[in-house]
Amino acid sequence: MRVMTSEDVKFAISVGMPSLLVLVGILGNNSRLSDLRHLMAKRFDSVDKRFDDVTRIIEARFQVQDEKLYRVEQVLDARLRHLEENRG
């Protein structure tokens, strides 16, 4: 059985510590990336909600304009019918 010398301990520390630090760094970055992903998801959900709201507003305005156009069309049809009846 071999006895560990101070050189062996120095070597183990010089190899083990950077590896341990890299592992801790990877775990820390993974946690921060996960937090960033959740933050971005919340923001994108907010943007999606705004787009849905704007879409609903635009659709409602088009509906109102369609109704107005339909009423104008009915009035024009009635006037044309009246003119045709008086002419004939």
C-alpha atoms as a PDB file:
ATOM      1  CA  MET A   1       0.000   0.000   0.000  1.00  0.00           C
ATOM      2  CA  ARG A   2       1.314   3.371  -0.981  1.00  0.00           C
ATOM      3  CA  VAL A   3       1.277   6.359   1.342  1.00  0.00           C
ATOM      4  CA  MET A   4      -0.047   9.650  -0.070  1.00  0.00           C
ATOM      5  CA  THR A   5       2.611  12.270  -0.223  1.00  0.00           C
ATOM      6  CA  SER A   6       2.095  16.004  -0.180  1.00  0.00           C
ATOM      7  CA  GLU A   7       2.610  15.974  -3.948  1.00  0.00           C
ATOM      8  CA  ASP A   8      -0.276  13.523  -4.347  1.00  0.00           C
ATOM      9  CA  VAL A   9      -2.525  15.717  -2.213  1.00  0.00           C
ATOM     10  CA  LYS A  10      -1.528  18.810  -4.212  1.00  0.00           C
ATOM     11  CA  PHE A  11      -2.257  16.980  -7.446  1.00  0.00           C
ATOM     12  CA  ALA A  12      -5.652  15.767  -6.199  1.00  0.00           C
ATOM     13  CA  ILE A  13      -6.575  19.276  -5.104  1.00  0.00           C
ATOM     14  CA  SER A  14      -5.292  20.865  -8.328  1.00  0.00           C
ATOM     15  CA  VAL A  15      -7.430  18.478 -10.404  1.00  0.00           C
ATOM     16  CA  GLY A  16     -10.441  18.135  -8.095  1.00  0.00           C
ATOM     17  CA  MET A  17     -11.074  21.771  -7.193  1.00  0.00           C
ATOM     18  CA  PRO A  18     -11.415  23.128 -10.744  1.00  0.00           C
ATOM     19  CA  SER A  19     -13.647  20.188 -11.638  1.00  0.00           C
ATOM     20  CA  LEU A  20     -15.814  20.863  -8.584  1.00  0.00           C
ATOM     21  CA  LEU A  21     -15.971  24.587  -9.414  1.00  0.00           C
ATOM     22  CA  VAL A  22     -16.982  23.812 -12.998  1.00  0.00           C
ATOM     23  CA  LEU A  23     -19.743  21.514 -11.731  1.00  0.00           C
ATOM     24  CA  VAL A  24     -21.023  24.173  -9.320  1.00  0.00           C
ATOM     25  CA  GLY A  25     -20.900  26.736 -12.154  1.00  0.00           C
ATOM     26  CA  ILE A  26     -22.888  24.483 -14.476  1.00  0.00           C
ATOM     27  CA  LEU A  27     -25.546  23.885 -11.820  1.00  0.00           C
ATOM     28  CA  GLY A  28     -25.731  27.603 -11.020  1.00  0.00           C
ATOM     29  CA  ASN A  29     -26.062  28.573 -14.679  1.00  0.00           C
ATOM     30  CA  ASN A  30     -28.705  25.907 -15.230  1.00  0.00           C
ATOM     31  CA  SER A  31     -30.739  27.372 -12.374  1.00  0.00           C
ATOM     32  CA  ARG A  32     -30.380  30.916 -13.738  1.00  0.00           C
ATOM     33  CA  LEU A  33     -31.310  29.786 -17.253  1.00  0.00           C
ATOM     34  CA  SER A  34     -34.400  28.123 -15.860  1.00  0.00           C
ATOM     35  CA  ASP A  35     -35.341  31.370 -14.090  1.00  0.00           C
ATOM     36  CA  LEU A  36     -34.755  33.295 -17.316  1.00  0.00           C
ATOM     37  CA  ARG A  37     -36.934  30.861 -19.250  1.00  0.00           C
ATOM     38  CA  HIS A  38     -39.792  31.317 -16.769  1.00  0.00           C
ATOM     39  CA  LEU A  39     -39.435  35.105 -16.903  1.00  0.00           C
ATOM     40  CA  MET A  40     -39.482  35.100 -20.707  1.00  0.00           C
ATOM     41  CA  ALA A  41     -42.495  32.774 -20.759  1.00  0.00           C
ATOM     42  CA  LYS A  42     -44.414  35.176 -18.497  1.00  0.00           C
ATOM     43  CA  ARG A  43     -43.529  38.121 -20.710  1.00  0.00           C
ATOM     44  CA  PHE A  44     -44.502  36.297 -23.893  1.00  0.00           C
ATOM     45  CA  ASP A  45     -47.798  35.264 -22.289  1.00  0.00           C
ATOM     46  CA  SER A  46     -48.413  38.940 -21.552  1.00  0.00           C
ATOM     47  CA  VAL A  47     -47.652  39.876 -25.164  1.00  0.00           C
ATOM     48  CA  ASP A  48     -49.910  37.081 -26.427  1.00  0.00           C
ATOM     49  CA  LYS A  49     -52.727  38.388 -24.221  1.00  0.00           C
ATOM     50  CA  ARG A  50     -52.264  41.892 -25.624  1.00  0.00           C
ATOM     51  CA  PHE A  51     -52.388  40.565 -29.190  1.00  0.00           C
ATOM     52  CA  ASP A  52     -55.570  38.639 -28.353  1.00  0.00           C
ATOM     53  CA  ASP A  53     -57.107  41.803 -26.891  1.00  0.00           C
ATOM     54  CA  VAL A  54     -56.198  43.843 -29.971  1.00  0.00           C
ATOM     55  CA  THR A  55     -57.571  41.121 -32.237  1.00  0.00           C
ATOM     56  CA  ARG A  56     -60.865  41.132 -30.323  1.00  0.00           C
ATOM     57  CA  ILE A  57     -61.088  44.936 -30.578  1.00  0.00           C
ATOM     58  CA  ILE A  58     -60.403  44.866 -34.316  1.00  0.00           C
ATOM     59  CA  GLU A  59     -62.973  42.119 -34.872  1.00  0.00           C
ATOM     60  CA  ALA A  60     -65.573  44.084 -32.899  1.00  0.00           C
ATOM     61  CA  ARG A  61     -64.900  47.206 -34.974  1.00  0.00           C
ATOM     62  CA  PHE A  62     -65.205  45.256 -38.212  1.00  0.00           C
ATOM     63  CA  GLN A  63     -68.476  43.781 -36.954  1.00  0.00           C
ATOM     64  CA  VAL A  64     -69.841  47.282 -36.291  1.00  0.00           C
ATOM     65  CA  GLN A  65     -68.730  48.459 -39.730  1.00  0.00           C
ATOM     66  CA  ASP A  66     -70.304  45.398 -41.366  1.00  0.00           C
ATOM     67  CA  GLU A  67     -73.595  46.150 -39.615  1.00  0.00           C
ATOM     68  CA  LYS A  68     -73.504  49.776 -40.750  1.00  0.00           C
ATOM     69  CA  LEU A  69     -72.717  48.744 -44.312  1.00  0.00           C
ATOM     70  CA  TYR A  70     -75.580  46.240 -44.256  1.00  0.00           C
ATOM     71  CA  ARG A  71     -78.000  48.963 -43.108  1.00  0.00           C
ATOM     72  CA  VAL A  72     -76.803  51.283 -45.907  1.00  0.00           C
ATOM     73  CA  GLU A  73     -77.246  48.438 -48.376  1.00  0.00           C
ATOM     74  CA  GLN A  74     -80.812  47.877 -47.145  1.00  0.00           C
ATOM     75  CA  VAL A  75     -81.626  51.596 -47.501  1.00  0.00           C
ATOM     76  CA  LEU A  76     -80.195  51.686 -51.016  1.00  0.00           C
ATOM     77  CA  ASP A  77     -82.133  48.564 -51.966  1.00  0.00           C
ATOM     78  CA  ALA A  78     -85.352  50.099 -50.636  1.00  0.00           C
ATOM     79  CA  ARG A  79     -84.748  53.333 -52.543  1.00  0.00           C
ATOM     80  CA  LEU A  80     -83.966  51.466 -55.754  1.00  0.00           C
ATOM     81  CA  ARG A  81     -87.085  49.356 -55.344  1.00  0.00           C
ATOM     82  CA  HIS A  82     -89.139  52.521 -54.775  1.00  0.00           C
ATOM     83  CA  LEU A  83     -87.675  54.154 -57.907  1.00  0.00           C
ATOM     84  CA  GLU A  84     -88.369  51.054 -59.991  1.00  0.00           C
ATOM     85  CA  GLU A  85     -91.962  50.884 -58.739  1.00  0.00           C
ATOM     86  CA  ASN A  86     -92.617  54.552 -59.530  1.00  0.00           C
ATOM     87  CA  ARG A  87     -91.059  54.256 -62.936  1.00  0.00           C
ATOM     88  CA  GLY A  88     -92.894  51.212 -64.044  1.00  0.00           C
END
